[in-house]
Protein backbone atom coordinates (compact mmCIF):
# COMPACT_ATOMS: atom_id res chain seq x y z
CA UNK A 1 -20.17 8.01 -13.30
CA UNK A 2 -17.03 6.06 -14.42
CA UNK A 3 -16.66 2.45 -13.71
CA UNK A 4 -13.96 2.97 -11.29
CA UNK A 5 -12.16 5.08 -8.86
CA UNK A 6 -9.21 5.65 -10.74
CA UNK A 7 -9.11 5.37 -14.47
CA UNK A 8 -7.30 1.94 -16.27
CA UNK A 9 -5.22 4.48 -17.87
CA UNK A 10 -3.79 6.03 -14.45
CA UNK A 11 -0.70 5.85 -12.90
CA UNK A 12 -2.52 4.32 -9.97
CA UNK A 13 -3.47 1.66 -11.91
CA UNK A 14 0.16 1.10 -13.12
CA UNK A 15 1.62 0.99 -9.87
CA UNK A 16 -1.07 -0.69 -7.40
CA UNK A 17 -1.71 -3.54 -9.93
CA UNK A 18 2.08 -4.23 -9.73
CA UNK A 19 2.76 -7.73 -7.65
CA UNK A 20 5.60 -5.80 -6.26
CA UNK A 21 2.93 -4.04 -4.27
CA UNK A 22 2.83 -7.14 -1.40
CA UNK A 23 6.75 -5.94 -0.77
CA UNK A 24 5.79 -1.89 -0.73
CA UNK A 25 2.74 -2.34 1.38
CA UNK A 26 4.98 -4.05 4.37
CA UNK A 27 7.68 -1.59 3.41
CA UNK A 28 5.06 1.38 4.14
CA UNK A 29 3.63 -0.47 7.77
CA UNK A 30 7.44 -0.25 8.84
CA UNK A 31 8.10 3.47 7.71
CA UNK A 32 4.57 4.31 9.43
CA UNK A 33 5.87 2.42 12.78
CA UNK A 34 8.83 5.10 13.41
CA UNK A 35 6.10 7.55 14.44
CA UNK A 36 5.93 7.28 17.86
CA UNK A 37 2.50 8.80 18.39
CA UNK A 38 1.19 7.01 15.39
CA UNK A 39 2.42 3.88 16.85
CA UNK A 40 1.06 3.94 19.86
CA UNK A 41 -2.41 4.15 17.76
CA UNK A 42 -1.67 0.83 15.87
CA UNK A 43 -0.65 -0.68 19.54
CA UNK A 44 -3.38 0.17 21.44
CA UNK A 45 -6.29 0.42 19.32
CA UNK A 46 -5.73 -2.75 16.37
CA UNK A 47 -5.36 -6.08 16.25
CA UNK A 48 -2.05 -5.43 14.72
CA UNK A 49 -0.39 -7.75 17.57
CA UNK A 50 -2.77 -10.66 17.29
CA UNK A 51 -2.90 -10.34 13.30
CA UNK A 52 -0.44 -8.43 11.49
CA UNK A 53 -1.22 -10.84 8.27
CA UNK A 54 -5.10 -8.91 8.73
CA UNK A 55 -3.14 -5.74 9.15
CA UNK A 56 -2.03 -5.97 5.95
CA UNK A 57 -4.84 -7.39 3.89
CA UNK A 58 -7.10 -4.54 4.86
CA UNK A 59 -4.99 -2.48 4.06
CA UNK A 60 -4.59 -4.33 0.30
CA UNK A 61 -8.26 -4.34 0.16
CA UNK A 62 -8.60 -0.96 0.65
CA UNK A 63 -5.62 0.08 -2.04
CA UNK A 64 -7.78 -2.46 -4.25
CA UNK A 65 -11.11 -0.65 -3.62
CA UNK A 66 -9.52 3.01 -4.05
CA UNK A 67 -8.46 1.58 -7.42
CA UNK A 68 -10.52 -0.31 -9.31
CA UNK A 69 -13.43 -0.14 -6.94
CA UNK A 70 -16.89 1.79 -7.67
CA UNK A 71 -16.83 5.63 -6.60
CA UNK A 72 -19.84 4.40 -4.32
CA UNK A 73 -18.12 1.51 -3.18
CA UNK A 74 -14.97 3.56 -2.45
CA UNK A 75 -17.39 6.17 -0.54
CA UNK A 76 -18.58 3.27 1.34
CA UNK A 77 -15.27 1.55 2.52
CA UNK A 78 -14.14 5.54 3.52
CA UNK A 79 -17.11 6.05 5.36
CA UNK A 80 -16.58 2.94 7.49
CA UNK A 81 -12.88 3.61 8.24
CA UNK A 82 -13.63 7.11 9.22
CA UNK A 83 -16.60 5.88 11.71
CA UNK A 84 -14.46 3.51 13.18
CA UNK A 85 -11.32 5.80 13.63
CA UNK A 86 -13.65 8.74 14.69
CA UNK A 87 -14.96 6.28 17.25
CA UNK A 88 -10.81 5.52 18.87
CA UNK A 89 -8.47 7.18 21.50
CA UNK A 90 -5.23 6.06 23.03
CA UNK A 91 -2.68 7.54 25.05
CA UNK A 92 1.11 8.61 24.44
CA UNK A 93 2.73 6.92 27.27
CA UNK A 94 5.56 9.31 26.81
CA UNK A 95 3.40 12.43 27.49
CA UNK A 96 0.25 11.04 28.94
CA UNK A 97 -1.48 12.94 26.48
CA UNK A 98 -4.93 12.01 24.45
CA UNK A 99 -5.18 11.44 21.19
CA UNK A 100 -7.35 10.53 18.42
CA UNK A 101 -6.59 7.81 16.05
CA UNK A 102 -8.01 10.36 13.35
CA UNK A 103 -5.95 13.40 14.65
CA UNK A 104 -5.18 15.19 11.39
CA UNK A 105 -1.13 14.93 11.66
CA UNK A 106 -1.56 11.50 11.99
CA UNK A 107 -3.74 10.70 8.93
CA UNK A 108 -1.15 12.51 7.35
CA UNK A 109 1.86 10.79 8.27
CA UNK A 110 0.11 7.34 7.09
CA UNK A 111 -0.73 9.19 3.99
CA UNK A 112 2.59 9.80 2.94
CA UNK A 113 4.25 7.10 4.32
CA UNK A 114 2.32 4.99 2.05
CA UNK A 115 2.60 6.90 -0.91
CA UNK A 116 6.24 7.12 -0.58
CA UNK A 117 6.52 3.52 -0.01
CA UNK A 118 4.09 2.22 -2.80
CA UNK A 119 5.97 4.62 -5.39
CA UNK A 120 9.50 4.10 -4.47
CA UNK A 121 9.43 0.38 -3.84
CA UNK A 122 7.60 -0.75 -7.49
CA UNK A 123 9.50 1.87 -9.19
CA UNK A 124 13.13 -0.05 -7.79
CA UNK A 125 11.19 -3.16 -8.54
CA UNK A 126 11.27 -2.23 -12.24
CA UNK A 127 8.05 -0.11 -12.77
CA UNK A 128 8.83 1.77 -15.64
CA UNK A 129 7.73 5.33 -14.45
CA UNK A 130 8.63 8.74 -16.05
CA UNK A 131 9.14 12.11 -13.71
CA UNK A 132 5.43 13.15 -14.74
CA UNK A 133 3.93 9.63 -14.03
CA UNK A 134 5.40 9.98 -10.39
CA UNK A 135 4.08 13.25 -9.41
CA UNK A 136 1.00 12.45 -11.38
CA UNK A 137 0.54 9.38 -9.03
CA UNK A 138 1.08 11.78 -5.89
CA UNK A 139 -1.42 14.11 -7.17
CA UNK A 140 -3.94 11.02 -7.35
CA UNK A 141 -3.28 9.96 -4.27
CA UNK A 142 -4.14 12.92 -2.69
CA UNK A 143 -7.60 12.92 -4.30
CA UNK A 144 -7.68 9.73 -2.67
CA UNK A 145 -6.84 11.20 0.58
CA UNK A 146 -10.41 12.20 0.79
CA UNK A 147 -11.69 8.47 1.90
CA UNK A 148 -9.76 8.69 4.88
CA UNK A 149 -11.15 12.46 6.35
CA UNK A 150 -8.46 14.59 4.59
CA UNK A 151 -8.76 16.90 1.68
CA UNK A 152 -6.36 16.79 -1.26
CA UNK A 153 -4.96 20.18 -0.08
CA UNK A 154 -4.14 18.54 2.84
CA UNK A 155 -1.38 16.04 1.93
CA UNK A 156 1.41 16.68 -1.24
CA UNK A 157 0.35 17.01 -4.67
CA UNK A 158 3.78 16.43 -6.53
CA UNK A 159 7.11 14.48 -5.67
CA UNK A 160 9.04 17.41 -4.50
CA UNK A 161 6.43 18.11 -1.81
CA UNK A 162 6.29 15.05 -0.75
CA UNK A 163 9.96 14.72 -0.22
CA UNK A 164 9.98 18.46 1.58
CA UNK A 165 7.12 16.67 4.03
CA UNK A 166 9.14 13.33 4.57
CA UNK A 167 12.15 15.76 5.11
CA UNK A 168 10.41 18.15 7.65
CA UNK A 169 8.96 15.08 9.76
CA UNK A 170 11.97 13.12 10.22
CA UNK A 171 12.76 14.91 13.47
CA UNK A 172 9.60 13.21 15.06
CA UNK A 173 10.63 9.85 14.24
CA UNK A 174 12.34 7.08 16.08
CA UNK A 175 12.45 3.55 16.88
CA UNK A 176 10.45 2.66 19.87
CA UNK A 177 10.18 -0.70 21.35
CA UNK A 178 6.83 -1.24 20.00
CA UNK A 179 8.01 -0.37 16.48
CA UNK A 180 10.69 -2.65 16.77
CA UNK A 181 8.34 -5.36 17.94
CA UNK A 182 6.09 -4.45 14.81
CA UNK A 183 9.00 -4.99 12.36
CA UNK A 184 9.78 -8.38 14.09
CA UNK A 185 6.07 -9.44 13.48
CA UNK A 186 6.13 -8.25 9.71
CA UNK A 187 8.98 -10.15 8.84
CA UNK A 188 7.68 -13.24 10.58
CA UNK A 189 3.68 -12.56 10.36
CA UNK A 190 1.43 -15.26 11.86
CA UNK A 191 -0.86 -16.96 8.77
CA UNK A 192 -4.59 -16.46 9.04
CA UNK A 193 -7.07 -19.27 9.51
CA UNK A 194 -8.16 -18.73 5.85
CA UNK A 195 -4.97 -19.03 4.46
CA UNK A 196 -3.84 -22.32 6.74
CA UNK A 197 -3.14 -23.84 3.85
CA UNK A 198 -0.25 -21.97 3.36
CA UNK A 199 1.35 -21.98 6.64
CA UNK A 200 3.96 -25.04 5.43
CA UNK A 201 5.07 -22.28 3.00
CA UNK A 202 5.32 -19.41 5.79
CA UNK A 203 9.22 -19.18 5.55
CA UNK A 204 8.62 -18.12 1.89
CA UNK A 205 7.57 -14.98 3.20
CA UNK A 206 10.63 -13.81 4.94
CA UNK A 207 12.30 -12.68 1.66
CA UNK A 208 9.41 -10.33 1.01
CA UNK A 209 9.33 -8.91 5.00
CA UNK A 210 13.31 -8.89 4.61
CA UNK A 211 13.03 -7.01 1.19
CA UNK A 212 10.83 -4.30 2.93
CA UNK A 213 13.01 -3.90 5.51
CA UNK A 214 16.18 -3.49 3.00
CA UNK A 215 14.10 -0.74 1.20
CA UNK A 216 13.47 1.49 4.41
CA UNK A 217 16.11 4.71 4.11
CA UNK A 218 19.61 3.56 5.61
CA UNK A 219 18.75 5.91 8.72
CA UNK A 220 15.75 3.91 9.60
CA UNK A 221 17.47 0.40 8.94
CA UNK A 222 20.17 1.59 11.17
CA UNK A 223 17.86 2.56 13.85
CA UNK A 224 16.21 -0.57 13.85
CA UNK A 225 19.24 -2.83 14.01
CA UNK A 226 16.52 -5.76 13.36
CA UNK A 227 18.61 -7.08 9.99
CA UNK A 228 22.48 -7.05 9.47
CA UNK A 229 23.38 -4.23 7.14
CA UNK A 230 26.00 -4.38 4.88
CA UNK A 231 27.41 -1.85 2.27
CA UNK A 232 25.64 -3.70 -0.66
CA UNK A 233 22.01 -3.47 0.85
CA UNK A 234 20.78 -0.98 -1.46
CA UNK A 235 22.04 -2.34 -4.76
CA UNK A 236 21.12 -6.03 -3.18
CA UNK A 237 17.64 -4.91 -2.53
CA UNK A 238 17.03 -3.52 -5.72
CA UNK A 239 18.31 -6.48 -7.75
CA UNK A 240 16.38 -8.89 -5.11
CA UNK A 241 12.96 -6.80 -5.82
CA UNK A 242 13.36 -7.03 -9.63
CA UNK A 243 13.80 -10.81 -9.22
CA UNK A 244 10.93 -11.43 -6.75
CA UNK A 245 8.88 -9.54 -8.97
CA UNK A 246 9.63 -11.57 -11.97
CA UNK A 247 8.91 -14.58 -9.89
CA UNK A 248 5.91 -13.12 -8.86
CA UNK A 249 4.82 -12.23 -12.49
CA UNK A 250 5.07 -15.71 -13.29
CA UNK A 251 2.40 -17.35 -10.96
CA UNK A 252 -0.87 -17.76 -12.88
CA UNK A 253 -3.83 -15.24 -11.77
CA UNK A 254 -5.86 -18.06 -10.35
CA UNK A 255 -3.49 -18.90 -8.05
CA UNK A 256 -2.15 -15.15 -7.30
CA UNK A 257 -5.80 -14.18 -6.51
CA UNK A 258 -5.88 -16.72 -3.26
CA UNK A 259 -3.74 -14.40 -1.62
CA UNK A 260 -6.20 -11.75 -1.23
CA UNK A 261 -9.50 -11.86 0.91
CA UNK A 262 -12.85 -12.77 -0.47
CA UNK A 263 -14.12 -9.20 -0.33
CA UNK A 264 -10.99 -7.89 -2.32
CA UNK A 265 -11.72 -10.69 -5.01
CA UNK A 266 -15.36 -9.76 -5.04
CA UNK A 267 -14.77 -6.06 -5.59
CA UNK A 268 -12.20 -7.02 -8.71
CA UNK A 269 -14.72 -9.31 -10.05
CA UNK A 270 -17.23 -6.58 -10.07
CA UNK A 271 -15.03 -4.13 -11.55
CA UNK A 272 -14.45 -6.29 -14.30
CA UNK A 273 -18.11 -6.71 -14.88
CA UNK A 274 -18.46 -2.47 -14.91
CA UNK A 275 -15.34 -2.29 -17.10
CA UNK A 276 -16.73 -4.80 -19.77
CA UNK A 277 -20.03 -3.02 -19.80
CA UNK A 278 -17.97 -0.05 -20.51
CA UNK A 279 -16.28 -1.06 -23.54
CA UNK A 280 -13.03 -1.96 -22.07
CA UNK A 281 -11.40 -5.32 -23.43
CA UNK A 282 -10.77 -7.55 -19.93
CA UNK A 283 -10.55 -10.74 -21.03
CA UNK A 284 -6.82 -11.27 -20.15
CA UNK A 285 -6.83 -9.53 -16.89
CA UNK A 286 -6.37 -6.01 -15.41
CA UNK A 287 -2.98 -5.94 -15.64
CA UNK A 288 -3.14 -6.40 -19.64
CA UNK A 289 -6.09 -4.35 -19.89
CA UNK A 290 -3.74 -1.21 -17.93
CA UNK A 291 -0.65 -2.03 -20.54
CA UNK A 292 -2.91 -1.63 -23.54
CA UNK A 293 -4.65 1.79 -22.26
CA UNK A 294 -1.35 3.21 -20.63
CA UNK A 295 1.36 2.34 -23.69
CA UNK A 296 -0.42 1.91 -26.91
CA UNK A 297 -3.55 4.27 -27.26
CA UNK A 298 -6.14 6.46 -25.29
CA UNK A 299 -8.93 4.66 -23.80
CA UNK A 300 -11.63 4.48 -26.55
CA UNK A 301 -15.27 5.64 -26.14
CA UNK A 302 -17.43 2.99 -24.52
CA UNK A 303 -18.15 0.37 -27.09
CA UNK A 304 -19.35 -3.53 -27.26
CA UNK A 305 -16.63 -5.92 -26.36
CA UNK A 306 -15.00 -7.27 -29.58
């Protein structure tokens, strides 16, 4: 059995270990909120309004486990998510219809909003990706969709297919009062108790939220109308994304990891041990490992570390 769900030489590692993923994750939540039925599910059946930061950290944990977690760890987390979602129901106030949180079309929307946000945001932030790598990333994430109750064939397997899906679903999307409120929460979230020591630094979060907002499609920004729109918004957002990524990359790993919850850190520590046992050199961290395996040579046969 391979030591991690996704191999270190995968495009998934290249994207998910990039520190611009903080912006990408917030952007995904803002995009997901544009589906009025999906937004009602979040609004009625989650603690998003009380703890939007917790929602983001749980998403980060899911991404982490389905990237460098063990196959058993990922399946256990997926089973727990599927069990919780299976039990949750909500009502669309616009139609009076009842819905399941794990309704197929809603799961597909959430998946596609995440994949497109992660891919577009990190690429704009400066992650070098070829067209083939972009297609490969979409395909890799399709295989990870099983953890939330989908099959790989239920979701796009390449960039062109992903774009066709987003175009087809566009008429269903709109800004509801709940979606607009969700964006405001994400721009200025509450600080969880375990990160209370970061409360004085809370103003530093706003650039992350504002950049996530600025990278949304133009029609979505216009519909939300939460932040001012200028002709320079797209180019300014790209430049700011690259600057933020450069700043985050200078933060030492021991401090950067304080942003994650304990379960995510434990998963990373366990992955490090598995990779070491499989012959990977991990003394300089996951990002250095990823860079070597992706850009210099194929993954070696398992061997003792040197």
